[in-house]
PDB file of N, CA and C in Angstrom:
ATOM      1  N   MET A   1      77.431  -3.626 129.332  1.00  0.00           N
ATOM      2  CA  MET A   1      77.129  -4.328 129.608  1.00  0.00           C
ATOM      3  C   MET A   1      77.905  -5.767 130.122  1.00  0.00           C
ATOM      4  N   ASN A   2      76.500  -5.696 130.994  1.00  0.00           N
ATOM      5  CA  ASN A   2      77.045  -6.927 132.165  1.00  0.00           C
ATOM      6  C   ASN A   2      76.463  -8.321 132.355  1.00  0.00           C
ATOM      7  N   LYS A   3      76.946  -9.392 132.469  1.00  0.00           N
ATOM      8  CA  LYS A   3      77.064 -11.127 131.997  1.00  0.00           C
ATOM      9  C   LYS A   3      75.501 -11.033 131.925  1.00  0.00           C
ATOM     10  N   ARG A   4      74.737 -11.037 132.516  1.00  0.00           N
ATOM     11  CA  ARG A   4      73.354 -11.293 132.465  1.00  0.00           C
ATOM     12  C   ARG A   4      72.458 -10.587 131.200  1.00  0.00           C
ATOM     13  N   THR A   5      72.858  -9.497 131.004  1.00  0.00           N
ATOM     14  CA  THR A   5      72.710  -8.434 129.900  1.00  0.00           C
ATOM     15  C   THR A   5      73.013  -8.871 128.318  1.00  0.00           C
ATOM     16  N   ARG A   6      74.857  -9.588 128.749  1.00  0.00           N
ATOM     17  CA  ARG A   6      75.411 -10.705 127.249  1.00  0.00           C
ATOM     18  C   ARG A   6      73.680 -11.786 127.321  1.00  0.00           C
ATOM     19  N   ILE A   7      74.000 -12.376 128.690  1.00  0.00           N
ATOM     20  CA  ILE A   7      73.612 -13.964 128.790  1.00  0.00           C
ATOM     21  C   ILE A   7      71.912 -13.563 127.367  1.00  0.00           C
ATOM     22  N   ALA A   8      71.555 -12.475 127.976  1.00  0.00           N
ATOM     23  CA  ALA A   8      69.806 -12.757 127.196  1.00  0.00           C
ATOM     24  C   ALA A   8      70.599 -12.101 125.465  1.00  0.00           C
ATOM     25  N   LEU A   9      70.920 -11.496 125.740  1.00  0.00           N
ATOM     26  CA  LEU A   9      71.467 -10.679 124.066  1.00  0.00           C
ATOM     27  C   LEU A   9      71.635 -12.211 123.404  1.00  0.00           C
ATOM     28  N   ALA A  10      72.973 -13.019 123.541  1.00  0.00           N
ATOM     29  CA  ALA A  10      73.052 -14.691 123.090  1.00  0.00           C
ATOM     30  C   ALA A  10      71.676 -15.341 122.710  1.00  0.00           C
ATOM     31  N   VAL A  11      70.639 -15.530 124.108  1.00  0.00           N
ATOM     32  CA  VAL A  11      69.258 -16.095 123.621  1.00  0.00           C
ATOM     33  C   VAL A  11      68.522 -15.529 122.375  1.00  0.00           C
ATOM     34  N   THR A  12      67.931 -13.846 122.915  1.00  0.00           N
ATOM     35  CA  THR A  12      67.463 -13.379 121.794  1.00  0.00           C
ATOM     36  C   THR A  12      68.221 -13.298 120.292  1.00  0.00           C
ATOM     37  N   LEU A  13      69.788 -13.337 120.125  1.00  0.00           N
ATOM     38  CA  LEU A  13      69.926 -13.127 118.586  1.00  0.00           C
ATOM     39  C   LEU A  13      70.171 -15.071 118.334  1.00  0.00           C
ATOM     40  N   ALA A  14      70.833 -16.391 119.058  1.00  0.00           N
ATOM     41  CA  ALA A  14      70.698 -17.795 119.120  1.00  0.00           C
ATOM     42  C   ALA A  14      68.267 -17.541 118.376  1.00  0.00           C
ATOM     43  N   GLY A  15      67.656 -17.164 118.905  1.00  0.00           N
ATOM     44  CA  GLY A  15      66.680 -17.828 118.434  1.00  0.00           C
ATOM     45  C   GLY A  15      66.374 -17.112 117.617  1.00  0.00           C
ATOM     46  N   GLY A  16      66.636 -15.719 117.209  1.00  0.00           N
ATOM     47  CA  GLY A  16      66.231 -15.202 115.928  1.00  0.00           C
ATOM     48  C   GLY A  16      67.120 -16.025 114.464  1.00  0.00           C
ATOM     49  N   LEU A  17      68.028 -16.549 114.330  1.00  0.00           N
ATOM     50  CA  LEU A  17      68.446 -17.240 113.543  1.00  0.00           C
ATOM     51  C   LEU A  17      67.329 -18.328 113.310  1.00  0.00           C
ATOM     52  N   ALA A  18      67.366 -18.910 114.524  1.00  0.00           N
ATOM     53  CA  ALA A  18      66.194 -20.254 114.465  1.00  0.00           C
ATOM     54  C   ALA A  18      64.989 -20.022 114.015  1.00  0.00           C
ATOM     55  N   VAL A  19      64.839 -19.212 114.228  1.00  0.00           N
ATOM     56  CA  VAL A  19      63.384 -18.361 112.756  1.00  0.00           C
ATOM     57  C   VAL A  19      63.769 -18.100 111.831  1.00  0.00           C
ATOM     58  N   GLY A  20      64.358 -17.527 111.575  1.00  0.00           N
ATOM     59  CA  GLY A  20      65.252 -16.872 110.457  1.00  0.00           C
ATOM     60  C   GLY A  20      65.337 -17.686 109.752  1.00  0.00           C
ATOM     61  N   ALA A  21      66.519 -18.863 109.995  1.00  0.00           N
ATOM     62  CA  ALA A  21      66.581 -20.161 108.902  1.00  0.00           C
ATOM     63  C   ALA A  21      65.254 -20.710 108.963  1.00  0.00           C
ATOM     64  N   ALA A  22      63.949 -21.411 109.474  1.00  0.00           N
ATOM     65  CA  ALA A  22      63.746 -21.438 108.928  1.00  0.00           C
ATOM     66  C   ALA A  22      61.890 -20.820 108.315  1.00  0.00           C
ATOM     67  N   ALA A  23      62.705 -19.743 108.289  1.00  0.00           N
ATOM     68  CA  ALA A  23      61.718 -18.217 107.263  1.00  0.00           C
ATOM     69  C   ALA A  23      61.366 -18.804 106.094  1.00  0.00           C
ATOM     70  N   PRO A  24      60.619 -19.314 105.949  1.00  0.00           N
ATOM     71  CA  PRO A  24      60.419 -19.426 103.812  1.00  0.00           C
ATOM     72  C   PRO A  24      60.624 -18.142 103.122  1.00  0.00           C
ATOM     73  N   ALA A  25      60.849 -18.399 101.580  1.00  0.00           N
ATOM     74  CA  ALA A  25      61.830 -16.786 101.645  1.00  0.00           C
ATOM     75  C   ALA A  25      60.086 -16.177 101.115  1.00  0.00           C
ATOM     76  N   PHE A  26      60.257 -15.190 100.159  1.00  0.00           N
ATOM     77  CA  PHE A  26      59.336 -14.616  99.836  1.00  0.00           C
ATOM     78  C   PHE A  26      57.737 -15.095 100.695  1.00  0.00           C
ATOM     79  N   ALA A  27      57.825 -14.910 101.916  1.00  0.00           N
ATOM     80  CA  ALA A  27      57.178 -14.972 102.525  1.00  0.00           C
ATOM     81  C   ALA A  27      56.265 -13.678 103.481  1.00  0.00           C
ATOM     82  N   GLY A  28      55.536 -13.283 103.207  1.00  0.00           N
ATOM     83  CA  GLY A  28      55.055 -11.534 103.675  1.00  0.00           C
ATOM     84  C   GLY A  28      53.366 -11.619 102.765  1.00  0.00           C
ATOM     85  N   THR A  29      53.080 -10.387 102.064  1.00  0.00           N
ATOM     86  CA  THR A  29      51.598 -10.514 102.319  1.00  0.00           C
ATOM     87  C   THR A  29      51.136 -10.589 101.337  1.00  0.00           C
ATOM     88  N   ILE A  30      49.342 -10.811 100.374  1.00  0.00           N
ATOM     89  CA  ILE A  30      49.240 -10.707  99.516  1.00  0.00           C
ATOM     90  C   ILE A  30      48.163 -10.178 100.080  1.00  0.00           C
ATOM     91  N   VAL A  31      47.787  -8.795  98.709  1.00  0.00           N
ATOM     92  CA  VAL A  31      46.112  -7.849  98.859  1.00  0.00           C
ATOM     93  C   VAL A  31      45.985  -7.703  97.614  1.00  0.00           C
ATOM     94  N   ASN A  32      44.698  -7.606  97.272  1.00  0.00           N
ATOM     95  CA  ASN A  32      44.470  -6.748  95.759  1.00  0.00           C
ATOM     96  C   ASN A  32      44.379  -5.211  96.474  1.00  0.00           C
ATOM     97  N   VAL A  33      44.810  -4.853  95.423  1.00  0.00           N
ATOM     98  CA  VAL A  33      44.999  -2.665  95.952  1.00  0.00           C
ATOM     99  C   VAL A  33      44.312  -2.345  94.580  1.00  0.00           C
ATOM    100  N   GLY A  34      44.179  -1.516  94.019  1.00  0.00           N
ATOM    101  CA  GLY A  34      44.802  -0.833  92.420  1.00  0.00           C
ATOM    102  C   GLY A  34      44.023  -1.980  91.917  1.00  0.00           C
ATOM    103  N   GLY A  35      42.789  -2.527  91.393  1.00  0.00           N
ATOM    104  CA  GLY A  35      42.555  -3.378  90.890  1.00  0.00           C
ATOM    105  C   GLY A  35      44.139  -4.325  90.277  1.00  0.00           C
ATOM    106  N   GLY A  36      44.735  -4.629  90.967  1.00  0.00           N
ATOM    107  CA  GLY A  36      45.621  -5.475  90.703  1.00  0.00           C
ATOM    108  C   GLY A  36      45.756  -6.375  92.264  1.00  0.00           C
ATOM    109  N   THR A  37      47.225  -6.979  92.163  1.00  0.00           N
ATOM    110  CA  THR A  37      47.396  -8.457  92.665  1.00  0.00           C
ATOM    111  C   THR A  37      48.896  -7.388  94.025  1.00  0.00           C
ATOM    112  N   TRP A  38      48.827  -6.734  94.454  1.00  0.00           N
ATOM    113  CA  TRP A  38      50.408  -6.953  95.223  1.00  0.00           C
ATOM    114  C   TRP A  38      50.966  -7.779  96.093  1.00  0.00           C
ATOM    115  N   SER A  39      51.899  -8.494  95.904  1.00  0.00           N
ATOM    116  CA  SER A  39      52.780  -8.931  97.255  1.00  0.00           C
ATOM    117  C   SER A  39      53.934  -8.569  98.021  1.00  0.00           C
ATOM    118  N   TYR A  40      54.144  -8.405  98.988  1.00  0.00           N
ATOM    119  CA  TYR A  40      55.567  -7.206  99.653  1.00  0.00           C
ATOM    120  C   TYR A  40      55.485  -7.617 101.014  1.00  0.00           C
ATOM    121  N   GLY A  41      56.997  -7.401 101.702  1.00  0.00           N
ATOM    122  CA  GLY A  41      57.854  -7.680 102.071  1.00  0.00           C
ATOM    123  C   GLY A  41      58.878  -8.160 103.130  1.00  0.00           C
ATOM    124  N   THR A  42      58.961  -8.520 104.588  1.00  0.00           N
ATOM    125  CA  THR A  42      60.175  -8.464 104.150  1.00  0.00           C
ATOM    126  C   THR A  42      60.891  -9.993 104.740  1.00  0.00           C
ATOM    127  N   ALA A  43      62.478  -9.685 104.406  1.00  0.00           N
ATOM    128  CA  ALA A  43      62.731 -11.797 104.643  1.00  0.00           C
ATOM    129  C   ALA A  43      63.879 -11.847 105.276  1.00  0.00           C
ATOM    130  N   PHE A  44      63.975 -11.964 106.616  1.00  0.00           N
ATOM    131  CA  PHE A  44      65.752 -11.513 107.322  1.00  0.00           C
ATOM    132  C   PHE A  44      66.766 -13.079 107.147  1.00  0.00           C
ATOM    133  N   GLN A  45      67.606 -12.573 106.496  1.00  0.00           N
ATOM    134  CA  GLN A  45      68.907 -13.879 106.200  1.00  0.00           C
ATOM    135  C   GLN A  45      69.528 -13.100 107.539  1.00  0.00           C
ATOM    136  N   ALA A  46      69.373 -13.843 109.047  1.00  0.00           N
ATOM    137  CA  ALA A  46      70.041 -13.658 109.501  1.00  0.00           C
ATOM    138  C   ALA A  46      71.676 -13.540 109.688  1.00  0.00           C
ATOM    139  N   PRO A  47      72.521 -13.395 110.742  1.00  0.00           N
ATOM    140  CA  PRO A  47      71.914 -12.596 111.058  1.00  0.00           C
ATOM    141  C   PRO A  47      72.070 -10.966 110.875  1.00  0.00           C
ATOM    142  N   TRP A  48      72.470 -10.835 109.635  1.00  0.00           N
ATOM    143  CA  TRP A  48      72.882  -9.813 109.348  1.00  0.00           C
ATOM    144  C   TRP A  48      72.713  -9.133 108.209  1.00  0.00           C
ATOM    145  N   PHE A  49      71.344  -9.476 107.631  1.00  0.00           N
ATOM    146  CA  PHE A  49      70.898  -8.926 106.925  1.00  0.00           C
ATOM    147  C   PHE A  49      69.468  -9.201 105.872  1.00  0.00           C
ATOM    148  N   LYS A  50      69.102  -8.488 105.744  1.00  0.00           N
ATOM    149  CA  LYS A  50      67.252  -8.528 105.176  1.00  0.00           C
ATOM    150  C   LYS A  50      66.886  -8.178 103.541  1.00  0.00           C
ATOM    151  N   ASN A  51      66.281  -9.115 103.167  1.00  0.00           N
ATOM    152  CA  ASN A  51      65.639  -8.784 101.828  1.00  0.00           C
ATOM    153  C   ASN A  51      64.076  -8.630 101.589  1.00  0.00           C
ATOM    154  N   VAL A  52      64.089  -7.026 101.002  1.00  0.00           N
ATOM    155  CA  VAL A  52      62.611  -6.311 100.180  1.00  0.00           C
ATOM    156  C   VAL A  52      62.092  -6.912  99.452  1.00  0.00           C
ATOM    157  N   TRP A  53      61.072  -7.124  99.296  1.00  0.00           N
ATOM    158  CA  TRP A  53      60.577  -6.929  98.009  1.00  0.00           C
ATOM    159  C   TRP A  53      58.835  -6.750  98.154  1.00  0.00           C
ATOM    160  N   SER A  54      58.483  -5.836  96.662  1.00  0.00           N
ATOM    161  CA  SER A  54      56.859  -5.585  96.441  1.00  0.00           C
ATOM    162  C   SER A  54      56.877  -6.117  95.105  1.00  0.00           C
ATOM    163  N   HIS A  55      56.019  -7.275  94.836  1.00  0.00           N
ATOM    164  CA  HIS A  55      55.630  -7.142  93.638  1.00  0.00           C
ATOM    165  C   HIS A  55      54.455  -7.285  92.939  1.00  0.00           C
ATOM    166  N   TYR A  56      53.773  -6.661  92.276  1.00  0.00           N
ATOM    167  CA  TYR A  56      53.009  -5.867  91.829  1.00  0.00           C
ATOM    168  C   TYR A  56      52.630  -6.286  90.988  1.00  0.00           C
ATOM    169  N   GLN A  57      50.673  -6.919  89.747  1.00  0.00           N
ATOM    170  CA  GLN A  57      50.265  -7.680  89.113  1.00  0.00           C
ATOM    171  C   GLN A  57      48.967  -6.916  88.770  1.00  0.00           C
ATOM    172  N   ASN A  58      49.166  -5.655  87.583  1.00  0.00           N
ATOM    173  CA  ASN A  58      47.871  -5.464  87.383  1.00  0.00           C
ATOM    174  C   ASN A  58      47.755  -5.705  85.143  1.00  0.00           C
ATOM    175  N   GLN A  59      46.126  -6.532  85.004  1.00  0.00           N
ATOM    176  CA  GLN A  59      45.680  -6.044  84.333  1.00  0.00           C
ATOM    177  C   GLN A  59      45.037  -5.215  83.246  1.00  0.00           C
ATOM    178  N   ALA A  60      45.004  -4.497  83.137  1.00  0.00           N
ATOM    179  CA  ALA A  60      44.441  -3.105  82.829  1.00  0.00           C
ATOM    180  C   ALA A  60      45.333  -2.404  82.639  1.00  0.00           C
ATOM    181  N   VAL A  61      46.078  -1.776  83.244  1.00  0.00           N
ATOM    182  CA  VAL A  61      46.729  -0.780  83.381  1.00  0.00           C
ATOM    183  C   VAL A  61      48.623  -0.884  83.304  1.00  0.00           C
ATOM    184  N   THR A  62      49.171   0.565  83.558  1.00  0.00           N
ATOM    185  CA  THR A  62      50.339   0.635  82.979  1.00  0.00           C
ATOM    186  C   THR A  62      51.468   0.392  84.988  1.00  0.00           C
ATOM    187  N   HIS A  63      52.404  -0.040  85.819  1.00  0.00           N
ATOM    188  CA  HIS A  63      51.975  -0.698  87.031  1.00  0.00           C
ATOM    189  C   HIS A  63      53.540  -0.651  87.072  1.00  0.00           C
ATOM    190  N   SER A  64      53.284  -0.154  88.771  1.00  0.00           N
ATOM    191  CA  SER A  64      55.183   0.155  89.220  1.00  0.00           C
ATOM    192  C   SER A  64      55.146  -1.142  90.292  1.00  0.00           C
ATOM    193  N   ALA A  65      56.114  -1.003  90.742  1.00  0.00           N
ATOM    194  CA  ALA A  65      56.379  -2.274  92.020  1.00  0.00           C
ATOM    195  C   ALA A  65      57.702  -1.353  92.921  1.00  0.00           C
ATOM    196  N   THR A  66      58.092  -1.087  94.137  1.00  0.00           N
ATOM    197  CA  THR A  66      59.623  -0.048  94.407  1.00  0.00           C
ATOM    198  C   THR A  66      59.301  -0.812  95.691  1.00  0.00           C
ATOM    199  N   ALA A  67      60.488  -1.474  96.150  1.00  0.00           N
ATOM    200  CA  ALA A  67      61.111  -1.483  97.546  1.00  0.00           C
ATOM    201  C   ALA A  67      62.916  -1.157  97.993  1.00  0.00           C
ATOM    202  N   ILE A  68      62.502  -0.684  99.092  1.00  0.00           N
ATOM    203  CA  ILE A  68      64.193   0.104  98.748  1.00  0.00           C
ATOM    204  C   ILE A  68      63.927  -0.751 100.422  1.00  0.00           C
ATOM    205  N   ALA A  69      65.484  -0.457 100.752  1.00  0.00           N
ATOM    206  CA  ALA A  69      66.265  -1.395 102.103  1.00  0.00           C
ATOM    207  C   ALA A  69      66.897  -0.541 102.106  1.00  0.00           C
ATOM    208  N   GLY A  70      67.178  -0.023 103.522  1.00  0.00           N
ATOM    209  CA  GLY A  70      68.505   1.396 103.235  1.00  0.00           C
ATOM    210  C   GLY A  70      68.584   1.920 102.180  1.00  0.00           C
ATOM    211  N   PRO A  71      69.983   2.033 101.829  1.00  0.00           N
ATOM    212  CA  PRO A  71      70.061   3.508 100.888  1.00  0.00           C
ATOM    213  C   PRO A  71      69.775   2.883  99.164  1.00  0.00           C
ATOM    214  N   ASN A  72      69.349   1.317 100.322  1.00  0.00           N
ATOM    215  CA  ASN A  72      68.738   0.351  97.818  1.00  0.00           C
ATOM    216  C   ASN A  72      67.490   0.858  97.747  1.00  0.00           C
ATOM    217  N   THR A  73      67.493   1.299  96.045  1.00  0.00           N
ATOM    218  CA  THR A  73      65.890   1.360  96.012  1.00  0.00           C
ATOM    219  C   THR A  73      65.541   0.525  94.633  1.00  0.00           C
ATOM    220  N   LYS A  74      64.958  -0.505  95.026  1.00  0.00           N
ATOM    221  CA  LYS A  74      64.688  -1.179  92.703  1.00  0.00           C
ATOM    222  C   LYS A  74      63.398  -1.009  92.401  1.00  0.00           C
ATOM    223  N   PHE A  75      62.949  -0.091  91.135  1.00  0.00           N
ATOM    224  CA  PHE A  75      61.553   0.718  91.390  1.00  0.00           C
ATOM    225  C   PHE A  75      61.792  -0.531  89.703  1.00  0.00           C
ATOM    226  N   VAL A  76      60.342  -0.686  89.130  1.00  0.00           N
ATOM    227  CA  VAL A  76      60.087  -1.352  87.941  1.00  0.00           C
ATOM    228  C   VAL A  76      58.773  -1.494  87.514  1.00  0.00           C
ATOM    229  N   LYS A  77      58.938  -0.606  86.373  1.00  0.00           N
ATOM    230  CA  LYS A  77      58.058  -0.517  85.457  1.00  0.00           C
ATOM    231  C   LYS A  77      57.324  -1.054  84.585  1.00  0.00           C
ATOM    232  N   LYS A  78      55.854  -1.507  84.890  1.00  0.00           N
ATOM    233  CA  LYS A  78      55.639  -2.528  83.608  1.00  0.00           C
ATOM    234  C   LYS A  78      54.042  -2.230  83.403  1.00  0.00           C
ATOM    235  N   ASP A  79      54.059  -3.150  82.030  1.00  0.00           N
ATOM    236  CA  ASP A  79      52.972  -2.833  80.649  1.00  0.00           C
ATOM    237  C   ASP A  79      51.508  -3.355  81.638  1.00  0.00           C
ATOM    238  N   PRO A  80      50.326  -3.213  81.109  1.00  0.00           N
ATOM    239  CA  PRO A  80      49.703  -3.886  81.670  1.00  0.00           C
ATOM    240  C   PRO A  80      50.000  -5.678  81.392  1.00  0.00           C
ATOM    241  N   GLY A  81      49.181  -6.397  83.035  1.00  0.00           N
ATOM    242  CA  GLY A  81      49.367  -7.694  82.405  1.00  0.00           C
ATOM    243  C   GLY A  81      50.901  -8.295  83.206  1.00  0.00           C
ATOM    244  N   GLU A  82      51.824  -7.587  82.777  1.00  0.00           N
ATOM    245  CA  GLU A  82      53.198  -8.025  83.255  1.00  0.00           C
ATOM    246  C   GLU A  82      53.443  -7.730  84.852  1.00  0.00           C
ATOM    247  N   PHE A  83      54.309  -8.530  84.944  1.00  0.00           N
ATOM    248  CA  PHE A  83      55.098  -8.436  86.874  1.00  0.00           C
ATOM    249  C   PHE A  83      55.888  -7.277  87.298  1.00  0.00           C
ATOM    250  N   ALA A  84      55.179  -7.232  87.838  1.00  0.00           N
ATOM    251  CA  ALA A  84      56.677  -6.040  88.397  1.00  0.00           C
ATOM    252  C   ALA A  84      57.204  -7.035  89.993  1.00  0.00           C
ATOM    253  N   LYS A  85      58.957  -7.044  88.702  1.00  0.00           N
ATOM    254  CA  LYS A  85      59.286  -7.297  90.631  1.00  0.00           C
ATOM    255  C   LYS A  85      59.909  -6.828  90.781  1.00  0.00           C
ATOM    256  N   ALA A  86      59.798  -5.936  92.420  1.00  0.00           N
ATOM    257  CA  ALA A  86      61.040  -5.366  92.797  1.00  0.00           C
ATOM    258  C   ALA A  86      61.290  -6.071  94.169  1.00  0.00           C
ATOM    259  N   GLU A  87      63.259  -6.114  94.164  1.00  0.00           N
ATOM    260  CA  GLU A  87      64.141  -6.584  94.852  1.00  0.00           C
ATOM    261  C   GLU A  87      65.462  -6.359  95.020  1.00  0.00           C
ATOM    262  N   THR A  88      65.257  -5.597  96.583  1.00  0.00           N
ATOM    263  CA  THR A  88      66.732  -5.001  97.169  1.00  0.00           C
ATOM    264  C   THR A  88      67.023  -5.787  98.250  1.00  0.00           C
ATOM    265  N   GLN A  89      68.417  -5.166  99.349  1.00  0.00           N
ATOM    266  CA  GLN A  89      68.740  -6.251  99.691  1.00  0.00           C
ATOM    267  C   GLN A  89      69.373  -4.998 100.920  1.00  0.00           C
ATOM    268  N   ALA A  90      69.408  -4.841 101.839  1.00  0.00           N
ATOM    269  CA  ALA A  90      69.882  -4.061 103.346  1.00  0.00           C
ATOM    270  C   ALA A  90      70.441  -4.480 104.688  1.00  0.00           C
ATOM    271  N   GLY A  91      70.909  -4.112 105.299  1.00  0.00           N
ATOM    272  CA  GLY A  91      72.064  -4.636 106.439  1.00  0.00           C
ATOM    273  C   GLY A  91      70.012  -5.094 106.994  1.00  0.00           C
ATOM    274  N   ALA A  92      70.413  -5.793 108.433  1.00  0.00           N
ATOM    275  CA  ALA A  92      69.146  -6.376 108.753  1.00  0.00           C
ATOM    276  C   ALA A  92      68.542  -5.037 109.306  1.00  0.00           C
ATOM    277  N   SER A  93      69.596  -3.901 110.161  1.00  0.00           N
ATOM    278  CA  SER A  93      69.149  -3.088 111.195  1.00  0.00           C
ATOM    279  C   SER A  93      68.536  -1.797 110.677  1.00  0.00           C
ATOM    280  N   GLU A  94      68.972  -1.646 109.095  1.00  0.00           N
ATOM    281  CA  GLU A  94      68.494  -0.488 108.137  1.00  0.00           C
ATOM    282  C   GLU A  94      67.130  -0.281 108.208  1.00  0.00           C
ATOM    283  N   ASP A  95      66.155   0.396 107.481  1.00  0.00           N
ATOM    284  CA  ASP A  95      65.144   0.341 107.301  1.00  0.00           C
ATOM    285  C   ASP A  95      64.142   0.116 105.712  1.00  0.00           C
ATOM    286  N   ALA A  96      63.359  -0.525 106.348  1.00  0.00           N
ATOM    287  CA  ALA A  96      62.476  -1.239 104.553  1.00  0.00           C
ATOM    288  C   ALA A  96      61.662  -0.396 104.904  1.00  0.00           C
ATOM    289  N   ALA A  97      60.740  -0.287 103.217  1.00  0.00           N
ATOM    290  CA  ALA A  97      59.985   0.375 102.809  1.00  0.00           C
ATOM    291  C   ALA A  97      59.809  -0.496 101.204  1.00  0.00           C
ATOM    292  N   GLU A  98      57.872  -0.667 101.246  1.00  0.00           N
ATOM    293  CA  GLU A  98      57.499  -1.400 100.148  1.00  0.00           C
ATOM    294  C   GLU A  98      56.186  -0.238  99.591  1.00  0.00           C
ATOM    295  N   TYR A  99      56.603  -0.498  97.639  1.00  0.00           N
ATOM    296  CA  TYR A  99      55.319   0.271  97.177  1.00  0.00           C
ATOM    297  C   TYR A  99      54.343   0.076  95.909  1.00  0.00           C
ATOM    298  N   TRP A 100      53.666  -0.134  95.787  1.00  0.00           N
ATOM    299  CA  TRP A 100      53.104  -0.484  94.887  1.00  0.00           C
ATOM    300  C   TRP A 100      52.366   0.875  93.481  1.00  0.00           C
ATOM    301  N   ASN A 101      52.430   1.105  92.397  1.00  0.00           N
ATOM    302  CA  ASN A 101      51.617   2.238  91.563  1.00  0.00           C
ATOM    303  C   ASN A 101      50.977   2.471  90.606  1.00  0.00           C
ATOM    304  N   VAL A 102      49.940   2.817  90.384  1.00  0.00           N
ATOM    305  CA  VAL A 102      49.441   2.479  88.450  1.00  0.00           C
ATOM    306  C   VAL A 102      49.056   3.496  87.781  1.00  0.00           C
ATOM    307  N   TYR A 103      49.329   4.150  86.612  1.00  0.00           N
ATOM    308  CA  TYR A 103      49.937   4.572  85.456  1.00  0.00           C
ATOM    309  C   TYR A 103      48.398   4.576  85.016  1.00  0.00           C
ATOM    310  N   PRO A 104      47.318   5.638  85.599  1.00  0.00           N
ATOM    311  CA  PRO A 104      45.750   5.245  84.477  1.00  0.00           C
ATOM    312  C   PRO A 104      46.322   6.033  82.592  1.00  0.00           C
TER     313      PRO A 104
END
């Protein structure tokens, strides 16, 4: 790695730290799906790890939320009206996924 590359990498990492520190916890996407409300997303805890969450609530049917981060999976199934909150954590470079489901 040459000096120019190292400097660019350092600037990129420093910028990521500044943005990550300013980002609010659990700032993600909220949508109405499957007859309920789903909030999901990823929040980086710079520079080493990230939080992944899936929160789903449905008033009419049993439902679930799943959060996957690297090797970690959190699955939460709830009765109608209850809040299914699945949250987990992994390394910053690991894959992440969020899901919801209903059981009519």
